[in-house]
Protein backbone atom coordinates (compact mmCIF):
# COMPACT_ATOMS: atom_id res chain seq x y z
CA MET A 1 -206.08 -199.35 3.86
CA ARG A 2 -204.00 -202.22 5.24
CA ASP A 3 -201.00 -199.93 5.81
CA ARG A 4 -202.87 -197.61 8.19
CA PHE A 5 -202.57 -197.98 12.06
CA PRO A 6 -205.49 -200.12 13.35
CA VAL A 7 -208.07 -198.26 15.39
CA GLY A 8 -208.41 -201.08 17.91
CA THR A 9 -204.70 -201.06 18.64
CA PHE A 10 -204.74 -197.32 19.25
CA GLN A 11 -207.66 -197.64 21.63
CA PHE A 12 -205.86 -200.38 23.57
CA VAL A 13 -202.71 -198.28 23.94
CA LEU A 14 -204.76 -195.29 25.11
CA PHE A 15 -206.52 -197.50 27.68
CA VAL A 16 -203.22 -198.72 29.07
CA VAL A 17 -201.85 -195.16 29.44
CA VAL A 18 -205.00 -193.98 31.19
CA ALA A 19 -204.97 -196.98 33.49
CA VAL A 20 -201.33 -196.38 34.46
CA LEU A 21 -202.22 -192.82 35.48
CA VAL A 22 -205.62 -193.34 37.07
CA ILE A 23 -205.24 -196.60 38.97
CA PRO A 24 -202.40 -195.39 41.27
CA LEU A 25 -204.39 -192.25 42.06
CA GLY A 26 -207.38 -194.37 42.94
CA VAL A 27 -205.34 -196.71 45.08
CA ASN A 28 -203.78 -193.73 46.87
CA TYR A 29 -207.23 -192.23 47.44
CA ILE A 30 -208.65 -195.44 48.85
CA ALA A 31 -205.58 -196.71 50.79
CA GLY A 32 -204.66 -193.33 52.21
CA ALA A 33 -201.36 -191.56 52.68
CA GLU A 34 -199.49 -194.78 53.36
CA GLY A 35 -200.69 -196.53 50.19
CA PHE A 36 -197.41 -196.63 48.13
CA THR A 37 -194.76 -196.48 50.85
CA GLY A 38 -193.74 -198.72 53.70
CA LYS A 39 -195.80 -198.53 56.86
CA LEU A 40 -194.84 -197.30 60.34
CA HIS A 41 -197.00 -198.82 63.07
CA LEU A 42 -197.15 -197.02 66.43
CA HIS A 43 -199.04 -197.89 69.62
CA ALA A 44 -200.51 -195.52 72.20
CA SER A 45 -202.31 -195.96 75.51
CA LEU A 46 -204.91 -193.32 76.49
CA ASN A 47 -207.10 -192.89 79.55
CA ASP A 48 -209.91 -191.89 77.17
CA ALA A 49 -209.99 -192.63 73.42
CA PHE A 50 -212.47 -189.74 72.90
CA GLY A 51 -214.39 -191.81 70.37
CA LEU A 52 -211.51 -192.37 67.94
CA THR A 53 -212.43 -194.85 65.21
CA GLU A 54 -210.63 -196.65 62.43
CA GLY A 55 -209.74 -194.27 59.62
CA THR A 56 -209.36 -191.14 61.78
CA GLY A 57 -206.64 -188.98 60.23
CA VAL A 58 -203.22 -188.55 61.84
CA THR A 59 -201.17 -185.38 61.28
CA VAL A 60 -197.72 -184.10 62.18
CA ARG A 61 -197.49 -180.29 62.31
CA GLY A 62 -200.80 -180.25 60.37
CA VAL A 63 -199.57 -182.54 57.56
CA ASP A 64 -201.53 -185.78 56.93
CA VAL A 65 -199.17 -188.73 57.52
CA GLY A 66 -201.53 -191.67 58.24
CA THR A 67 -204.66 -192.94 59.94
CA VAL A 68 -205.89 -194.69 63.08
CA SER A 69 -205.93 -198.39 62.23
CA SER A 70 -207.73 -199.55 65.41
CA SER A 71 -209.09 -198.34 68.74
CA ARG A 72 -210.05 -200.85 71.43
CA LEU A 73 -210.42 -201.19 75.17
CA ALA A 74 -207.38 -202.60 77.00
CA ALA A 75 -207.59 -206.06 78.60
CA ASP A 76 -207.59 -204.60 82.13
CA GLY A 77 -210.38 -202.18 81.23
CA ARG A 78 -208.46 -199.17 82.61
CA SER A 79 -207.22 -197.64 79.34
CA ALA A 80 -207.78 -197.54 75.59
CA GLN A 81 -205.27 -198.94 73.10
CA VAL A 82 -204.93 -197.01 69.84
CA GLU A 83 -202.94 -198.26 66.84
CA LEU A 84 -201.58 -195.77 64.26
CA THR A 85 -200.50 -196.63 60.72
CA LEU A 86 -198.24 -193.96 59.19
CA ARG A 87 -196.21 -193.60 56.05
CA GLY A 88 -192.91 -195.45 56.30
CA ASP A 89 -190.83 -192.37 55.55
CA THR A 90 -192.31 -190.40 58.47
CA GLN A 91 -189.69 -189.39 61.03
CA ILE A 92 -191.01 -188.84 64.55
CA SER A 93 -188.63 -188.10 67.43
CA THR A 94 -188.83 -190.18 70.57
CA ASP A 95 -189.89 -187.14 72.67
CA ALA A 96 -193.09 -186.67 70.62
CA TYR A 97 -196.55 -187.29 72.09
CA LEU A 98 -200.07 -187.95 70.75
CA GLN A 99 -202.89 -185.45 71.16
CA VAL A 100 -206.54 -185.82 70.19
CA THR A 101 -207.87 -182.66 68.55
CA MET A 102 -211.08 -181.42 66.94
CA GLY A 103 -210.80 -180.03 63.44
CA SER A 104 -214.05 -178.05 63.60
CA MET A 105 -216.95 -177.06 65.87
CA ALA A 106 -218.85 -180.07 64.53
CA GLY A 107 -216.69 -182.31 66.70
CA ILE A 108 -214.80 -184.10 63.93
CA GLN A 109 -211.76 -185.52 65.69
CA SER A 110 -208.25 -186.17 64.49
CA VAL A 111 -204.94 -187.23 66.00
CA ASP A 112 -202.05 -184.77 65.99
CA ILE A 113 -198.48 -185.82 66.87
CA VAL A 114 -196.69 -182.96 68.67
CA THR A 115 -192.90 -182.78 68.66
CA ASP A 116 -190.41 -180.01 69.44
CA SER A 117 -187.41 -181.71 67.88
CA ALA A 118 -186.54 -182.48 64.27
CA ALA A 119 -183.43 -184.47 65.19
CA GLY A 120 -183.17 -188.12 66.15
CA PRO A 121 -183.44 -190.58 67.62
CA PHE A 122 -186.73 -191.47 65.87
CA LEU A 123 -189.48 -193.94 66.65
CA GLN A 124 -189.27 -197.27 64.84
CA ASP A 125 -191.99 -199.60 63.60
CA GLY A 126 -193.83 -201.12 66.56
CA ASP A 127 -192.71 -198.51 69.11
CA ARG A 128 -195.04 -196.90 71.62
CA ILE A 129 -195.74 -193.14 71.50
CA ALA A 130 -196.63 -191.19 74.63
CA ALA A 131 -200.17 -189.84 75.13
CA PRO A 132 -200.14 -187.87 78.45
CA ALA A 133 -203.57 -187.16 79.89
CA ASP A 134 -202.77 -183.52 80.69
CA LYS A 135 -202.01 -182.83 77.02
CA GLN A 136 -205.44 -183.98 75.77
CA PRO A 137 -207.95 -181.18 75.03
CA MET A 138 -211.28 -180.78 76.76
CA GLN A 139 -214.11 -182.20 74.70
CA MET A 140 -217.03 -180.13 73.45
CA ASP A 141 -219.58 -181.70 75.82
CA GLN A 142 -217.39 -180.86 78.81
CA ILE A 143 -216.93 -177.28 77.59
CA ILE A 144 -220.70 -176.84 77.19
CA LEU A 145 -221.32 -178.37 80.65
CA LYS A 146 -218.82 -176.04 82.36
CA ALA A 147 -220.24 -173.03 80.49
CA SER A 148 -223.70 -174.03 81.68
CA HIS A 149 -222.54 -174.24 85.30
CA LEU A 150 -220.89 -170.83 84.96
CA LEU A 151 -224.05 -169.22 83.57
CA GLU A 152 -226.11 -170.74 86.36
CA THR A 153 -223.93 -168.91 88.93
CA VAL A 154 -224.92 -165.54 87.46
CA ARG A 155 -228.02 -164.32 89.27
CA ASP A 156 -230.85 -162.46 87.61
CA GLY A 157 -230.16 -158.78 87.49
CA SER A 158 -226.48 -159.13 88.44
CA VAL A 159 -225.27 -158.23 84.97
CA SER A 160 -227.44 -155.15 84.79
CA THR A 161 -226.35 -154.09 88.28
CA VAL A 162 -222.70 -154.46 87.32
CA GLY A 163 -223.30 -152.50 84.14
CA ARG A 164 -225.00 -149.64 86.00
CA GLU A 165 -222.22 -149.48 88.61
CA LEU A 166 -219.52 -149.44 85.95
CA ALA A 167 -221.35 -146.73 84.05
CA ALA A 168 -221.68 -144.66 87.25
CA ALA A 169 -218.02 -145.15 88.07
CA PHE A 170 -216.49 -144.40 84.67
CA GLY A 171 -219.20 -142.58 82.80
CA ASP A 172 -217.85 -139.04 83.30
CA ARG A 173 -214.17 -139.97 83.66
CA GLY A 174 -213.26 -140.68 80.10
CA ASP A 175 -210.19 -138.44 80.18
CA SER A 176 -208.85 -140.11 83.33
CA LEU A 177 -209.32 -143.56 81.83
CA GLU A 178 -207.55 -142.45 78.66
CA LYS A 179 -204.60 -141.11 80.67
CA LEU A 180 -204.55 -144.26 82.79
CA VAL A 181 -204.38 -146.47 79.71
CA ALA A 182 -201.71 -144.26 78.12
CA ASN A 183 -199.62 -144.22 81.29
CA GLY A 184 -200.03 -147.96 81.63
CA ALA A 185 -198.71 -148.42 78.10
CA ALA A 186 -195.74 -146.14 78.85
CA LEU A 187 -195.04 -147.98 82.11
CA ALA A 188 -195.21 -151.33 80.34
CA SER A 189 -192.75 -150.04 77.73
CA VAL A 190 -190.30 -148.95 80.47
CA VAL A 191 -190.62 -152.29 82.22
CA ARG A 192 -190.05 -154.15 78.96
CA ARG A 193 -186.90 -152.13 78.18
CA ASN A 194 -185.50 -152.68 81.68
CA ALA A 195 -186.60 -156.29 82.05
CA PRO A 196 -183.04 -157.67 82.55
CA LEU A 197 -182.24 -155.03 85.19
CA LEU A 198 -185.53 -155.60 87.03
CA SER A 199 -185.00 -159.36 86.87
CA GLY A 200 -181.55 -158.99 88.44
CA MET A 201 -182.87 -156.65 91.13
CA LEU A 202 -185.72 -159.00 92.02
CA GLY A 203 -183.30 -161.95 92.10
CA ASP A 204 -180.91 -160.08 94.40
CA TRP A 205 -183.82 -158.99 96.59
CA VAL A 206 -185.00 -162.60 96.90
CA ASP A 207 -181.45 -163.65 97.85
CA THR A 208 -181.35 -160.84 100.42
CA LEU A 209 -184.65 -161.97 101.93
CA ASP A 210 -183.36 -165.54 102.11
CA ALA A 211 -180.18 -164.35 103.86
CA MET A 212 -182.24 -162.26 106.29
CA ALA A 213 -184.46 -165.26 106.99
CA ASP A 214 -181.41 -167.43 107.69
CA SER A 215 -179.95 -164.72 109.99
CA THR A 216 -183.11 -164.07 112.02
CA ALA A 217 -181.58 -165.36 115.25
CA SER A 218 -178.39 -163.31 114.78
CA PHE A 219 -180.45 -160.20 113.98
CA GLU A 220 -182.50 -160.65 117.14
CA ARG A 221 -179.33 -161.06 119.23
CA GLY A 222 -177.91 -157.92 117.61
CA MET A 223 -181.03 -155.95 118.44
CA ARG A 224 -180.94 -157.17 122.05
CA SER A 225 -177.26 -156.18 122.28
CA ALA A 226 -178.07 -152.75 120.84
CA ALA A 227 -180.83 -152.35 123.41
CA ASP A 228 -178.46 -153.33 126.24
CA PHE A 229 -175.85 -150.89 124.91
CA THR A 230 -178.47 -148.12 124.81
CA ASP A 231 -179.43 -148.86 128.42
CA GLN A 232 -175.76 -148.66 129.46
CA LEU A 233 -175.37 -145.33 127.68
CA ASP A 234 -178.42 -144.02 129.47
CA ALA A 235 -177.02 -145.22 132.81
CA GLN A 236 -173.67 -143.50 132.12
CA GLN A 237 -175.27 -140.19 131.16
CA PRO A 238 -173.26 -138.12 133.76
CA VAL A 239 -169.99 -139.46 132.36
CA PHE A 240 -170.94 -138.41 128.84
CA VAL A 241 -171.96 -134.97 130.05
CA TYR A 242 -168.52 -134.62 131.69
CA LEU A 243 -166.75 -135.77 128.52
CA LEU A 244 -168.72 -133.34 126.41
CA ASP A 245 -167.76 -130.53 128.75
CA HIS A 246 -164.02 -131.32 128.72
CA SER A 247 -163.52 -132.87 125.28
CA PRO A 248 -163.13 -129.56 123.36
CA GLN A 249 -160.10 -128.60 125.45
CA ALA A 250 -158.45 -132.01 124.95
CA LEU A 251 -159.15 -131.87 121.22
CA ASP A 252 -157.63 -128.38 121.04
CA ARG A 253 -154.45 -129.62 122.75
CA ALA A 254 -154.25 -132.63 120.44
CA THR A 255 -154.72 -130.37 117.41
CA ALA A 256 -151.96 -128.07 118.61
CA LEU A 257 -149.65 -131.06 119.15
CA PHE A 258 -150.26 -132.37 115.64
CA ASP A 259 -149.80 -128.92 114.16
CA LYS A 260 -146.49 -128.55 115.97
CA TYR A 261 -145.08 -131.83 114.67
CA ARG A 262 -146.79 -131.81 111.29
CA GLY A 263 -143.45 -131.61 109.43
CA THR A 264 -141.98 -134.63 111.22
CA PHE A 265 -145.15 -136.70 111.34
CA GLY A 266 -144.53 -138.15 107.87
CA GLY A 267 -141.00 -139.13 108.85
CA VAL A 268 -142.30 -140.84 111.97
CA LEU A 269 -144.77 -142.86 109.90
CA ALA A 270 -142.00 -143.75 107.43
CA ASN A 271 -139.78 -144.93 110.28
CA LEU A 272 -142.64 -146.98 111.67
CA VAL A 273 -142.94 -148.69 108.28
CA ALA A 274 -139.29 -149.74 108.60
CA VAL A 275 -139.57 -150.75 112.26
CA GLU A 276 -142.84 -152.67 112.02
CA PRO A 277 -141.45 -155.72 110.09
CA ILE A 278 -138.62 -156.07 112.62
CA ILE A 279 -141.07 -156.06 115.54
CA ALA A 280 -143.48 -158.38 113.73
CA ASP A 281 -140.73 -160.94 113.07
CA ARG A 282 -139.81 -160.92 116.78
CA ASP A 283 -143.31 -161.32 118.09
CA ASP A 284 -142.40 -164.15 120.48
CA ALA A 285 -139.41 -162.28 121.92
CA LEU A 286 -141.50 -159.12 122.33
CA ARG A 287 -144.22 -161.09 124.12
CA THR A 288 -141.65 -162.64 126.47
CA GLY A 289 -140.06 -159.25 127.14
CA LEU A 290 -143.41 -157.65 127.97
CA THR A 291 -143.99 -160.50 130.43
CA THR A 292 -140.57 -160.63 132.11
CA ILE A 293 -139.58 -156.94 132.17
CA PRO A 294 -142.33 -155.93 134.64
CA GLN A 295 -141.31 -158.80 136.92
CA GLY A 296 -137.66 -157.75 136.64
CA LEU A 297 -138.57 -154.20 137.62
CA LYS A 298 -140.43 -155.52 140.64
CA ASP A 299 -137.38 -157.60 141.65
CA LEU A 300 -135.10 -154.59 141.16
CA ARG A 301 -137.33 -152.48 143.35
CA SER A 302 -136.85 -154.99 146.16
CA ILE A 303 -133.19 -153.87 146.68
CA VAL A 304 -134.29 -150.32 147.51
CA LYS A 305 -134.15 -149.67 151.22
CA ASN A 306 -134.70 -146.26 152.75
CA ASN A 307 -134.64 -144.74 149.23
CA ARG A 308 -131.20 -146.24 148.60
CA ALA A 309 -130.06 -149.28 146.57
CA ASP A 310 -128.66 -151.95 148.86
CA PHE A 311 -126.70 -154.61 146.93
CA THR A 312 -123.27 -156.26 146.98
CA LEU A 313 -120.84 -156.09 144.03
CA LEU A 314 -118.54 -159.12 143.70
CA GLY A 315 -115.19 -158.07 142.21
CA THR A 316 -113.31 -161.36 142.64
CA GLN A 317 -115.17 -163.37 140.04
CA GLY A 318 -112.23 -163.67 137.67
CA PRO A 319 -112.28 -164.99 134.09
CA VAL A 320 -115.17 -166.98 132.69
CA CYS A 321 -115.57 -169.60 129.95
CA LEU A 322 -117.37 -168.22 126.86
CA PHE A 323 -118.77 -170.09 123.87
CA TYR A 324 -119.75 -167.85 121.00
CA ASP A 325 -119.46 -170.30 118.11
CA GLU A 326 -123.18 -171.17 118.04
CA PRO A 327 -124.62 -170.60 114.51
CA ARG A 328 -127.15 -167.83 114.32
CA ARG A 329 -130.74 -168.99 113.85
CA THR A 330 -133.39 -167.34 111.72
CA ILE A 331 -135.88 -165.04 113.37
CA GLY A 332 -138.94 -166.94 114.50
CA ASP A 333 -137.20 -170.33 114.63
CA LEU A 334 -138.46 -171.87 117.88
CA THR A 335 -137.35 -175.45 117.29
CA PRO A 336 -135.33 -176.94 120.20
CA SER A 337 -131.55 -176.87 119.70
CA GLN A 338 -129.39 -179.88 120.52
CA PRO A 339 -126.87 -179.27 123.36
CA ASN A 340 -123.17 -179.92 122.68
CA LEU A 341 -122.13 -182.38 125.39
CA ALA A 342 -118.46 -182.43 124.31
CA ARG A 343 -117.58 -178.87 125.37
CA TYR A 344 -115.76 -178.00 128.55
CA CYS A 345 -113.94 -175.19 130.27
CA PRO A 346 -110.18 -175.66 130.47
CA PRO A 347 -109.12 -176.13 134.11
CA GLY A 348 -107.72 -173.14 135.84
CA ASP A 349 -107.84 -171.35 139.14
CA GLY A 350 -110.68 -168.90 139.53
CA HIS A 351 -112.46 -169.71 136.29
CA GLY A 352 -116.14 -169.00 136.58
CA GLN A 353 -117.68 -172.24 135.35
CA ARG A 354 -120.39 -170.87 133.10
CA GLY A 355 -119.83 -173.19 130.15
CA ALA A 356 -121.53 -176.40 129.12
CA VAL A 357 -119.53 -178.32 131.74
CA ASN A 358 -122.01 -177.21 134.37
CA ALA A 359 -125.05 -178.24 132.32
CA PRO A 360 -126.80 -181.45 133.47
CA ARG A 361 -125.58 -184.41 131.40
CA PRO A 362 -127.44 -187.66 130.77
CA ASN A 363 -126.36 -190.92 132.41
CA ASP A 364 -123.99 -189.09 134.81
CA LEU A 365 -121.36 -188.61 132.11
CA GLY A 366 -119.71 -185.82 133.99
CA THR A 367 -116.51 -184.63 132.31
CA ARG A 368 -115.69 -187.92 130.55
CA THR A 369 -117.01 -186.56 127.26
CA TRP A 370 -114.90 -183.39 127.30
CA LYS A 371 -113.42 -182.92 123.85
CA GLN A 372 -113.83 -179.27 122.80
CA PRO A 373 -112.28 -176.62 125.07
CA GLY A 374 -113.97 -173.26 125.35
CA GLY A 375 -112.42 -169.83 125.35
CA VAL A 376 -111.58 -167.98 128.54
CA ALA A 377 -112.29 -164.28 128.91
CA GLY A 378 -112.12 -161.78 131.72
CA PRO A 379 -109.62 -160.45 134.26
CA PRO A 380 -107.78 -162.82 136.57
CA SER A 381 -109.42 -163.60 139.85
CA VAL A 382 -108.44 -161.60 142.87
CA THR A 383 -107.99 -163.33 146.16
CA ASP A 384 -110.33 -161.92 148.74
CA PRO A 385 -108.73 -162.27 152.17
CA LEU A 386 -112.08 -161.68 153.79
CA LEU A 387 -113.82 -164.48 151.81
CA ILE A 388 -113.91 -167.63 153.97
CA PRO A 389 -115.59 -170.57 152.28
CA ASP A 390 -118.34 -172.30 154.16
CA GLY A 391 -119.02 -176.04 154.36
CA ALA A 392 -121.16 -176.19 151.19
CA GLU A 393 -118.51 -174.42 149.13
CA LEU A 394 -115.77 -176.72 150.46
CA LEU A 395 -117.89 -179.75 149.52
CA LEU A 396 -118.35 -178.46 145.99
CA MET A 397 -114.62 -177.80 145.68
CA TRP A 398 -113.82 -181.32 146.89
CA ARG A 399 -116.25 -182.92 144.39
CA ASP A 400 -114.79 -180.89 141.54
CA LEU A 401 -111.27 -181.97 142.46
CA LEU A 402 -112.29 -185.65 142.52
CA GLU A 403 -114.06 -185.34 139.16
CA ARG A 404 -111.00 -183.78 137.49
CA THR A 405 -108.71 -186.40 139.03
CA ARG A 406 -110.76 -189.32 137.75
CA ASN A 407 -110.78 -187.90 134.20
CA GLY A 408 -107.10 -186.90 134.18
CA LYS A 409 -107.79 -183.20 133.86
C-alpha cells in the first residue's frame, strides 16, 4: 500500500490546477476588460455627463474595451470631467470622439468611442479625447417631453378630419395612385442613372446664373442699346422701304457680275493671298502713302489754270551727286539711321548739290569732315543765257566759294 500514489497529494495537485484556471477568470470578471493588460487612461470634458457613473462600459465599434473610472463636476462648475480606463492594447486614433449612448429602452447608458480611421496617430495614456456636444444623443426624458408637446398641438378631431379628407380625395382613385407611384419609381430610376449628367448640368446652370448676375449692368446697357437701335430703325423707316424696293435690282447685278467672273474669282483670291503679306509688312508705308497722296493730288491740281497745266521745266540742272551705297533695311525697321557726315560731292561746275554736303552738320563742321566722295550722274549742265542770278543766288555762290577755299577743295 505504501507504493501507491497518496490521495492527499492528488487532491492538492487537482486544487492547484483548478485554481490556475479559475482565479484568472474570476479576476478578469471582477476587474473588467483591462484586468490582465496595461491600462490606457483617457480624459473627456462634457457639457452634460448624462448620469454616467463609475463602472459604465466603454465600447469601440461595439466591442467592450474598458469602463468609466470616474465622473465628477469640473472645478469651474461649467462642465463634467469623465475619466476612462481602457485596455492598454486599445488603439484609438486622435480624430476619435466620445459619445454617450443608451443600450436599451430602459435607459442603461454606455460610452461609445466613434472613429472613422484605423490608422495612426493614436491617443496615448493621459491624453484627452473629444466629446462634442452636437454628437451626444437626446436623452429619453427629452424625447418624451418633445413628443408630449407635439401631441398637445394636435387638436381634437383633427386626425379624424384629415382621415376623412384623405379618404375623400384618394378613395376612388386607386388606379391613378398606382400609376403615380409606378411613374415615380421609373422617374427615380432615370434620375439615378443620369445622376452625373444632371449634376453637371445643374453645376453649369449655377455657373451661368452667377455669370448673368455678375453681368447684370452690361445686360441692362445692352437692352437699352437695343431699344435705341430699334427706335432709330423705326425713325428710318422710309429709307428701309426705299432699299427694299431697289435692293433686288442691285442684287441681280451683283449676281450677274459674280457669275461672269466666276472662273477668275479663285485666281483673284489666290493672288490676294500672295499680295496680303507684302501689304501687311509695309503697313507704315501704306499708312503714310494714304495720308500724303491725297495732299499731293491737291497740290498737283493747283497748277491747273484754265483747264491747262501751267508749270516750268528746268532743263539746265546738270549732273547731280548720288549715294546709293546705303545698306537695305528690313521691312518694318523704323529705328533712326545714323547720318554719314564724311560724305561730300566732288567739286565741279553745275553739280546739283543733293548729297550729304548740304545736310545740316553739328558744330558748324561744314566741309572740314569731307572724306568720302560721292558719285556724279546726269548730263552736263547747259548754260542758260536768259538765266540771270539774283542777289540771293550770288550770296550763296560767294559763301560756297569761301567754304571750298578754306578747306582746300
